[in-house]
Amino acid sequence: MTTVKTGDTVRIHYTGTLNDGSRFDSSEGRDPLEFTVGTGQIIPGLEIAIPGMKIGEAKTVVVACDEAYGPVNPEARQSIPREGIPDDIPLEVGARLQMQTPEGQALPVTVVAVDEATVTLDANHPLAGQDLTFAIELVEIV
C-alpha cells in the first residue's frame, strides 16, 4: 500500500482540540482538508505527522505551541487612542477586527481591552501559546 511522502497532495479529516478537551476546529461535515505535504500550507507540527501514513490510517498528534502558532508575543499587543478608531467599528472585548500594516497588508487583531481613552488590540493568533491535539485520518493521496 502506498504511503504519503513529501510532495504528495493529500486529503485528511481532522478534529483539533485544546488541552481542556474543547474543540477549536474540525472538518466534520465538510470536505476533507487538501494540501501538499512539505509546502508549509498547514502548521509544522501537524505536517510532519503525515509522511508515512497510509490511506484509511488514523492517529492522534499532539503539537506543541512552538510547532503550531507559536508562543504569545507580548509585543503583538498594542494600546491605541480610542479616537483613532472610527465610531462605526465595534469595540467589544473579543471582537475580531482587521487592521492594515504600513505596507498595506491585512492584519487580523482581537480587541482585548477597552476603556475611555484607549483600545488594546492583540495581533497574536487566537491559538498562540496553546498546545494542540489533532485526531487525523488520511482519506486520500491525490
N, C-alpha and C. Protein backbone atom coordinates (compact mmCIF):
# COMPACT_ATOMS: atom_id res chain seq x y z
N MET A 1 0.84 -1.19 0.00
CA MET A 1 0.00 0.00 0.00
C MET A 1 0.89 1.25 0.00
N THR A 2 0.48 2.24 -0.73
CA THR A 2 1.24 3.48 -0.86
C THR A 2 1.19 4.30 0.44
N THR A 3 2.32 4.88 0.79
CA THR A 3 2.37 5.77 1.95
C THR A 3 2.67 7.19 1.48
N VAL A 4 2.29 8.15 2.30
CA VAL A 4 2.48 9.57 1.99
C VAL A 4 3.96 9.92 2.06
N LYS A 5 4.40 10.73 1.10
CA LYS A 5 5.76 11.27 1.12
C LYS A 5 5.69 12.78 0.84
N THR A 6 6.75 13.47 1.17
CA THR A 6 6.83 14.91 0.91
C THR A 6 6.58 15.16 -0.57
N GLY A 7 5.76 16.15 -0.85
CA GLY A 7 5.41 16.49 -2.23
C GLY A 7 4.06 15.94 -2.66
N ASP A 8 3.54 14.95 -1.91
CA ASP A 8 2.22 14.40 -2.23
C ASP A 8 1.12 15.37 -1.83
N THR A 9 0.08 15.43 -2.62
CA THR A 9 -1.12 16.16 -2.23
C THR A 9 -2.05 15.15 -1.56
N VAL A 10 -2.52 15.51 -0.37
CA VAL A 10 -3.33 14.58 0.42
C VAL A 10 -4.62 15.25 0.87
N ARG A 11 -5.55 14.42 1.29
CA ARG A 11 -6.79 14.89 1.91
C ARG A 11 -6.93 14.19 3.24
N ILE A 12 -7.16 14.99 4.30
CA ILE A 12 -7.34 14.43 5.64
C ILE A 12 -8.61 14.97 6.27
N HIS A 13 -9.19 14.16 7.12
CA HIS A 13 -10.21 14.65 8.04
C HIS A 13 -9.50 14.86 9.37
N TYR A 14 -9.94 15.86 10.11
CA TYR A 14 -9.26 16.18 11.37
C TYR A 14 -10.24 16.79 12.36
N THR A 15 -9.89 16.66 13.62
CA THR A 15 -10.55 17.40 14.69
C THR A 15 -9.43 17.92 15.58
N GLY A 16 -9.44 19.22 15.82
CA GLY A 16 -8.43 19.84 16.67
C GLY A 16 -9.03 20.21 18.01
N THR A 17 -8.32 19.83 19.10
CA THR A 17 -8.79 20.16 20.45
C THR A 17 -7.67 20.81 21.25
N LEU A 18 -8.09 21.53 22.29
CA LEU A 18 -7.16 22.16 23.22
C LEU A 18 -6.92 21.21 24.39
N ASN A 19 -6.00 21.57 25.28
CA ASN A 19 -5.68 20.72 26.43
C ASN A 19 -6.88 20.44 27.32
N ASP A 20 -7.85 21.36 27.35
CA ASP A 20 -9.04 21.14 28.18
C ASP A 20 -10.09 20.28 27.48
N GLY A 21 -9.77 19.82 26.26
CA GLY A 21 -10.68 18.96 25.51
C GLY A 21 -11.64 19.70 24.61
N SER A 22 -11.67 21.03 24.69
CA SER A 22 -12.60 21.78 23.84
C SER A 22 -12.12 21.76 22.39
N ARG A 23 -13.07 21.66 21.48
CA ARG A 23 -12.78 21.59 20.04
C ARG A 23 -12.64 23.01 19.49
N PHE A 24 -11.56 23.26 18.74
CA PHE A 24 -11.40 24.57 18.11
C PHE A 24 -11.61 24.53 16.61
N ASP A 25 -11.54 23.34 16.00
CA ASP A 25 -11.77 23.23 14.56
C ASP A 25 -11.96 21.77 14.20
N SER A 26 -12.66 21.54 13.10
CA SER A 26 -12.88 20.18 12.63
C SER A 26 -13.34 20.22 11.18
N SER A 27 -13.02 19.15 10.46
CA SER A 27 -13.52 19.02 9.10
C SER A 27 -14.84 18.25 9.07
N GLU A 28 -15.33 17.88 10.24
CA GLU A 28 -16.58 17.13 10.33
C GLU A 28 -17.70 17.86 9.60
N GLY A 29 -18.39 17.15 8.72
CA GLY A 29 -19.48 17.75 7.96
C GLY A 29 -19.01 18.56 6.76
N ARG A 30 -17.72 18.59 6.51
CA ARG A 30 -17.15 19.33 5.39
C ARG A 30 -16.29 18.40 4.56
N ASP A 31 -15.83 18.91 3.41
CA ASP A 31 -14.87 18.15 2.62
C ASP A 31 -13.57 18.01 3.40
N PRO A 32 -12.82 16.95 3.15
CA PRO A 32 -11.52 16.81 3.81
C PRO A 32 -10.60 17.99 3.45
N LEU A 33 -9.68 18.28 4.35
CA LEU A 33 -8.66 19.31 4.10
C LEU A 33 -7.66 18.77 3.09
N GLU A 34 -7.42 19.54 2.03
CA GLU A 34 -6.46 19.13 1.00
C GLU A 34 -5.26 20.06 1.03
N PHE A 35 -4.07 19.48 1.00
CA PHE A 35 -2.84 20.26 0.99
C PHE A 35 -1.70 19.40 0.43
N THR A 36 -0.61 20.06 0.06
CA THR A 36 0.57 19.37 -0.42
C THR A 36 1.58 19.29 0.71
N VAL A 37 1.99 18.09 1.05
CA VAL A 37 2.90 17.85 2.17
C VAL A 37 4.27 18.47 1.88
N GLY A 38 4.77 19.22 2.86
CA GLY A 38 6.10 19.80 2.74
C GLY A 38 6.13 21.21 2.19
N THR A 39 4.96 21.80 1.95
CA THR A 39 4.94 23.15 1.37
C THR A 39 4.55 24.24 2.38
N GLY A 40 4.35 23.86 3.64
CA GLY A 40 4.03 24.85 4.67
C GLY A 40 2.61 25.35 4.62
N GLN A 41 1.70 24.60 4.03
CA GLN A 41 0.30 25.03 3.95
C GLN A 41 -0.45 24.82 5.27
N ILE A 42 0.08 23.96 6.13
CA ILE A 42 -0.53 23.72 7.45
C ILE A 42 0.55 23.91 8.51
N ILE A 43 0.17 23.90 9.76
CA ILE A 43 1.15 24.12 10.83
C ILE A 43 2.22 23.03 10.82
N PRO A 44 3.47 23.38 11.13
CA PRO A 44 4.58 22.43 11.01
C PRO A 44 4.40 21.16 11.83
N GLY A 45 3.93 21.27 13.06
CA GLY A 45 3.81 20.09 13.91
C GLY A 45 2.81 19.07 13.42
N LEU A 46 1.83 19.51 12.65
CA LEU A 46 0.88 18.58 12.06
C LEU A 46 1.44 18.03 10.75
N GLU A 47 2.08 18.89 9.98
CA GLU A 47 2.61 18.47 8.69
C GLU A 47 3.63 17.33 8.82
N ILE A 48 4.46 17.37 9.86
CA ILE A 48 5.49 16.33 10.00
C ILE A 48 4.89 14.97 10.39
N ALA A 49 3.64 14.95 10.82
CA ALA A 49 3.00 13.69 11.21
C ALA A 49 2.41 12.93 10.02
N ILE A 50 2.31 13.56 8.86
CA ILE A 50 1.61 12.97 7.72
C ILE A 50 2.47 11.99 6.90
N PRO A 51 3.75 12.31 6.61
CA PRO A 51 4.54 11.36 5.82
C PRO A 51 4.57 9.98 6.49
N GLY A 52 4.44 8.95 5.65
CA GLY A 52 4.44 7.58 6.15
C GLY A 52 3.06 7.02 6.43
N MET A 53 2.04 7.89 6.44
CA MET A 53 0.68 7.40 6.69
C MET A 53 0.14 6.69 5.44
N LYS A 54 -0.79 5.76 5.67
CA LYS A 54 -1.46 5.04 4.59
C LYS A 54 -2.92 5.46 4.54
N ILE A 55 -3.55 5.36 3.38
CA ILE A 55 -4.97 5.70 3.23
C ILE A 55 -5.78 4.90 4.24
N GLY A 56 -6.67 5.60 4.94
CA GLY A 56 -7.51 4.97 5.96
C GLY A 56 -6.89 4.97 7.34
N GLU A 57 -5.60 5.27 7.44
CA GLU A 57 -4.93 5.29 8.75
C GLU A 57 -5.37 6.52 9.54
N ALA A 58 -5.54 6.31 10.84
CA ALA A 58 -5.91 7.40 11.74
C ALA A 58 -4.91 7.45 12.88
N LYS A 59 -4.67 8.64 13.39
CA LYS A 59 -3.79 8.79 14.54
C LYS A 59 -4.10 10.10 15.25
N THR A 60 -3.58 10.20 16.46
CA THR A 60 -3.70 11.42 17.24
C THR A 60 -2.31 12.03 17.37
N VAL A 61 -2.23 13.32 17.12
CA VAL A 61 -0.96 14.05 17.12
C VAL A 61 -1.06 15.21 18.10
N VAL A 62 -0.11 15.29 19.02
CA VAL A 62 -0.03 16.43 19.93
C VAL A 62 1.02 17.39 19.38
N VAL A 63 0.62 18.64 19.18
CA VAL A 63 1.51 19.65 18.58
C VAL A 63 1.78 20.73 19.62
N ALA A 64 3.04 20.87 20.01
CA ALA A 64 3.44 21.93 20.95
C ALA A 64 3.24 23.29 20.30
N CYS A 65 3.00 24.30 21.11
CA CYS A 65 2.70 25.63 20.57
C CYS A 65 3.81 26.14 19.66
N ASP A 66 5.07 25.78 19.94
CA ASP A 66 6.18 26.22 19.08
C ASP A 66 6.09 25.66 17.67
N GLU A 67 5.38 24.54 17.50
CA GLU A 67 5.21 23.92 16.19
C GLU A 67 3.81 24.17 15.63
N ALA A 68 3.06 25.06 16.30
CA ALA A 68 1.70 25.40 15.86
C ALA A 68 1.67 26.89 15.51
N TYR A 69 1.12 27.69 16.40
CA TYR A 69 1.01 29.14 16.13
C TYR A 69 1.99 29.96 16.96
N GLY A 70 2.93 29.29 17.60
CA GLY A 70 3.98 29.96 18.36
C GLY A 70 3.52 30.41 19.73
N PRO A 71 4.47 30.89 20.52
CA PRO A 71 4.13 31.41 21.84
C PRO A 71 3.46 32.78 21.71
N VAL A 72 2.81 33.19 22.77
CA VAL A 72 2.21 34.53 22.80
C VAL A 72 3.35 35.55 22.79
N ASN A 73 3.26 36.51 21.89
CA ASN A 73 4.26 37.57 21.78
C ASN A 73 3.67 38.83 22.40
N PRO A 74 4.19 39.25 23.58
CA PRO A 74 3.65 40.45 24.23
C PRO A 74 3.74 41.71 23.36
N GLU A 75 4.72 41.75 22.45
CA GLU A 75 4.87 42.91 21.58
C GLU A 75 3.77 42.99 20.52
N ALA A 76 2.99 41.92 20.35
CA ALA A 76 1.90 41.93 19.38
C ALA A 76 0.64 42.56 19.97
N ARG A 77 0.71 42.99 21.22
CA ARG A 77 -0.40 43.73 21.86
C ARG A 77 -0.05 45.21 21.86
N GLN A 78 -1.03 46.01 21.50
CA GLN A 78 -0.77 47.45 21.43
C GLN A 78 -2.01 48.21 21.86
N SER A 79 -1.80 49.22 22.70
CA SER A 79 -2.89 50.12 23.08
C SER A 79 -2.83 51.34 22.19
N ILE A 80 -3.99 51.70 21.66
CA ILE A 80 -4.05 52.88 20.79
C ILE A 80 -5.14 53.81 21.31
N PRO A 81 -5.04 55.10 21.01
CA PRO A 81 -6.07 56.03 21.44
C PRO A 81 -7.42 55.65 20.84
N ARG A 82 -8.43 55.70 21.67
CA ARG A 82 -9.77 55.32 21.22
C ARG A 82 -10.24 56.18 20.05
N GLU A 83 -9.87 57.45 20.03
CA GLU A 83 -10.30 58.32 18.94
C GLU A 83 -9.67 57.94 17.61
N GLY A 84 -8.65 57.05 17.63
CA GLY A 84 -8.02 56.61 16.39
C GLY A 84 -8.81 55.53 15.67
N ILE A 85 -9.93 55.11 16.27
CA ILE A 85 -10.76 54.07 15.66
C ILE A 85 -12.10 54.68 15.28
N PRO A 86 -12.52 54.51 14.04
CA PRO A 86 -13.80 55.08 13.59
C PRO A 86 -14.97 54.64 14.49
N ASP A 87 -15.96 55.51 14.63
CA ASP A 87 -17.10 55.26 15.51
C ASP A 87 -17.92 54.05 15.10
N ASP A 88 -17.90 53.67 13.82
CA ASP A 88 -18.73 52.55 13.37
C ASP A 88 -18.07 51.18 13.60
N ILE A 89 -16.87 51.15 14.17
CA ILE A 89 -16.18 49.89 14.44
C ILE A 89 -16.58 49.41 15.83
N PRO A 90 -17.06 48.15 15.95
CA PRO A 90 -17.46 47.64 17.27
C PRO A 90 -16.24 47.44 18.16
N LEU A 91 -16.34 47.89 19.41
CA LEU A 91 -15.19 47.82 20.31
C LEU A 91 -15.47 46.96 21.54
N GLU A 92 -16.18 45.86 21.37
CA GLU A 92 -16.40 44.94 22.48
C GLU A 92 -15.17 44.05 22.63
N VAL A 93 -14.84 43.70 23.87
CA VAL A 93 -13.75 42.76 24.11
C VAL A 93 -14.09 41.45 23.40
N GLY A 94 -13.14 40.92 22.66
CA GLY A 94 -13.33 39.69 21.90
C GLY A 94 -13.64 39.92 20.43
N ALA A 95 -13.99 41.15 20.07
CA ALA A 95 -14.31 41.45 18.66
C ALA A 95 -13.05 41.27 17.81
N ARG A 96 -13.24 40.66 16.65
CA ARG A 96 -12.14 40.48 15.69
C ARG A 96 -12.22 41.61 14.67
N LEU A 97 -11.12 42.32 14.51
CA LEU A 97 -11.04 43.43 13.56
C LEU A 97 -9.90 43.18 12.59
N GLN A 98 -9.85 43.97 11.56
CA GLN A 98 -8.76 43.88 10.61
C GLN A 98 -8.10 45.24 10.49
N MET A 99 -6.81 45.28 10.76
CA MET A 99 -6.03 46.49 10.63
C MET A 99 -5.22 46.38 9.34
N GLN A 100 -4.53 47.44 9.00
CA GLN A 100 -3.67 47.42 7.83
C GLN A 100 -2.27 47.84 8.26
N THR A 101 -1.26 47.04 7.85
CA THR A 101 0.12 47.38 8.18
C THR A 101 0.56 48.57 7.33
N PRO A 102 1.66 49.23 7.69
CA PRO A 102 2.16 50.32 6.85
C PRO A 102 2.46 49.88 5.41
N GLU A 103 2.71 48.56 5.24
CA GLU A 103 2.99 48.03 3.89
C GLU A 103 1.71 47.69 3.14
N GLY A 104 0.55 47.88 3.80
CA GLY A 104 -0.72 47.64 3.14
C GLY A 104 -1.28 46.24 3.32
N GLN A 105 -0.62 45.40 4.12
CA GLN A 105 -1.12 44.04 4.34
C GLN A 105 -2.19 44.03 5.43
N ALA A 106 -3.17 43.13 5.26
CA ALA A 106 -4.22 42.97 6.27
C ALA A 106 -3.64 42.27 7.49
N LEU A 107 -4.02 42.74 8.67
CA LEU A 107 -3.55 42.17 9.92
C LEU A 107 -4.76 41.97 10.83
N PRO A 108 -5.17 40.70 11.05
CA PRO A 108 -6.30 40.47 11.95
C PRO A 108 -5.87 40.71 13.40
N VAL A 109 -6.74 41.36 14.16
CA VAL A 109 -6.48 41.65 15.57
C VAL A 109 -7.74 41.37 16.38
N THR A 110 -7.53 41.18 17.68
CA THR A 110 -8.65 40.97 18.61
C THR A 110 -8.64 42.10 19.63
N VAL A 111 -9.81 42.65 19.91
CA VAL A 111 -9.94 43.66 20.96
C VAL A 111 -9.85 42.92 22.30
N VAL A 112 -8.85 43.29 23.13
CA VAL A 112 -8.67 42.61 24.41
C VAL A 112 -8.97 43.50 25.61
N ALA A 113 -9.05 44.81 25.41
CA ALA A 113 -9.40 45.73 26.49
C ALA A 113 -9.88 47.05 25.90
N VAL A 114 -10.83 47.65 26.59
CA VAL A 114 -11.36 48.95 26.16
C VAL A 114 -11.60 49.78 27.41
N ASP A 115 -11.13 51.02 27.38
CA ASP A 115 -11.51 51.97 28.44
C ASP A 115 -11.85 53.30 27.76
N GLU A 116 -12.06 54.33 28.54
CA GLU A 116 -12.49 55.60 27.95
C GLU A 116 -11.46 56.21 27.01
N ALA A 117 -10.16 55.94 27.26
CA ALA A 117 -9.11 56.60 26.49
C ALA A 117 -8.45 55.70 25.45
N THR A 118 -8.39 54.38 25.72
CA THR A 118 -7.62 53.51 24.83
C THR A 118 -8.36 52.22 24.49
N VAL A 119 -7.89 51.62 23.41
CA VAL A 119 -8.33 50.29 22.99
C VAL A 119 -7.06 49.45 22.85
N THR A 120 -7.05 48.28 23.48
CA THR A 120 -5.89 47.40 23.37
C THR A 120 -6.22 46.29 22.38
N LEU A 121 -5.35 46.17 21.37
CA LEU A 121 -5.53 45.20 20.30
C LEU A 121 -4.43 44.15 20.38
N ASP A 122 -4.77 42.92 20.06
CA ASP A 122 -3.82 41.81 20.11
C ASP A 122 -3.73 41.18 18.73
N ALA A 123 -2.53 41.19 18.14
CA ALA A 123 -2.33 40.62 16.81
C ALA A 123 -1.81 39.18 16.87
N ASN A 124 -1.69 38.61 18.08
CA ASN A 124 -1.33 37.20 18.18
C ASN A 124 -2.44 36.36 17.57
N HIS A 125 -2.08 35.21 16.99
CA HIS A 125 -3.09 34.28 16.52
C HIS A 125 -3.91 33.84 17.74
N PRO A 126 -5.22 33.65 17.61
CA PRO A 126 -6.03 33.24 18.76
C PRO A 126 -5.55 31.95 19.43
N LEU A 127 -4.82 31.10 18.72
CA LEU A 127 -4.32 29.86 19.31
C LEU A 127 -2.84 29.94 19.71
N ALA A 128 -2.25 31.12 19.65
CA ALA A 128 -0.86 31.29 20.08
C ALA A 128 -0.74 30.90 21.55
N GLY A 129 0.36 30.23 21.87
CA GLY A 129 0.61 29.82 23.24
C GLY A 129 -0.10 28.53 23.64
N GLN A 130 -0.85 27.94 22.74
CA GLN A 130 -1.61 26.73 23.05
C GLN A 130 -0.97 25.51 22.42
N ASP A 131 -0.88 24.43 23.20
CA ASP A 131 -0.55 23.13 22.62
C ASP A 131 -1.85 22.58 22.04
N LEU A 132 -1.76 21.94 20.88
CA LEU A 132 -2.95 21.48 20.17
C LEU A 132 -2.90 19.97 19.97
N THR A 133 -4.06 19.34 19.99
CA THR A 133 -4.16 17.92 19.70
C THR A 133 -5.05 17.73 18.49
N PHE A 134 -4.58 16.94 17.54
CA PHE A 134 -5.34 16.67 16.32
C PHE A 134 -5.59 15.17 16.20
N ALA A 135 -6.85 14.81 16.00
CA ALA A 135 -7.21 13.46 15.58
C ALA A 135 -7.32 13.55 14.07
N ILE A 136 -6.48 12.79 13.36
CA ILE A 136 -6.46 12.89 11.90
C ILE A 136 -6.69 11.52 11.28
N GLU A 137 -7.26 11.56 10.07
CA GLU A 137 -7.42 10.35 9.27
C GLU A 137 -7.05 10.69 7.84
N LEU A 138 -6.15 9.90 7.26
CA LEU A 138 -5.77 10.10 5.86
C LEU A 138 -6.86 9.51 4.97
N VAL A 139 -7.52 10.37 4.21
CA VAL A 139 -8.62 9.95 3.36
C VAL A 139 -8.13 9.57 1.97
N GLU A 140 -7.18 10.35 1.45
CA GLU A 140 -6.77 10.13 0.06
C GLU A 140 -5.40 10.72 -0.21
N ILE A 141 -4.64 10.07 -1.06
CA ILE A 141 -3.44 10.64 -1.66
C ILE A 141 -3.84 10.95 -3.09
N VAL A 142 -3.86 12.22 -3.45
CA VAL A 142 -4.39 12.65 -4.74
C VAL A 142 -3.40 12.36 -5.85
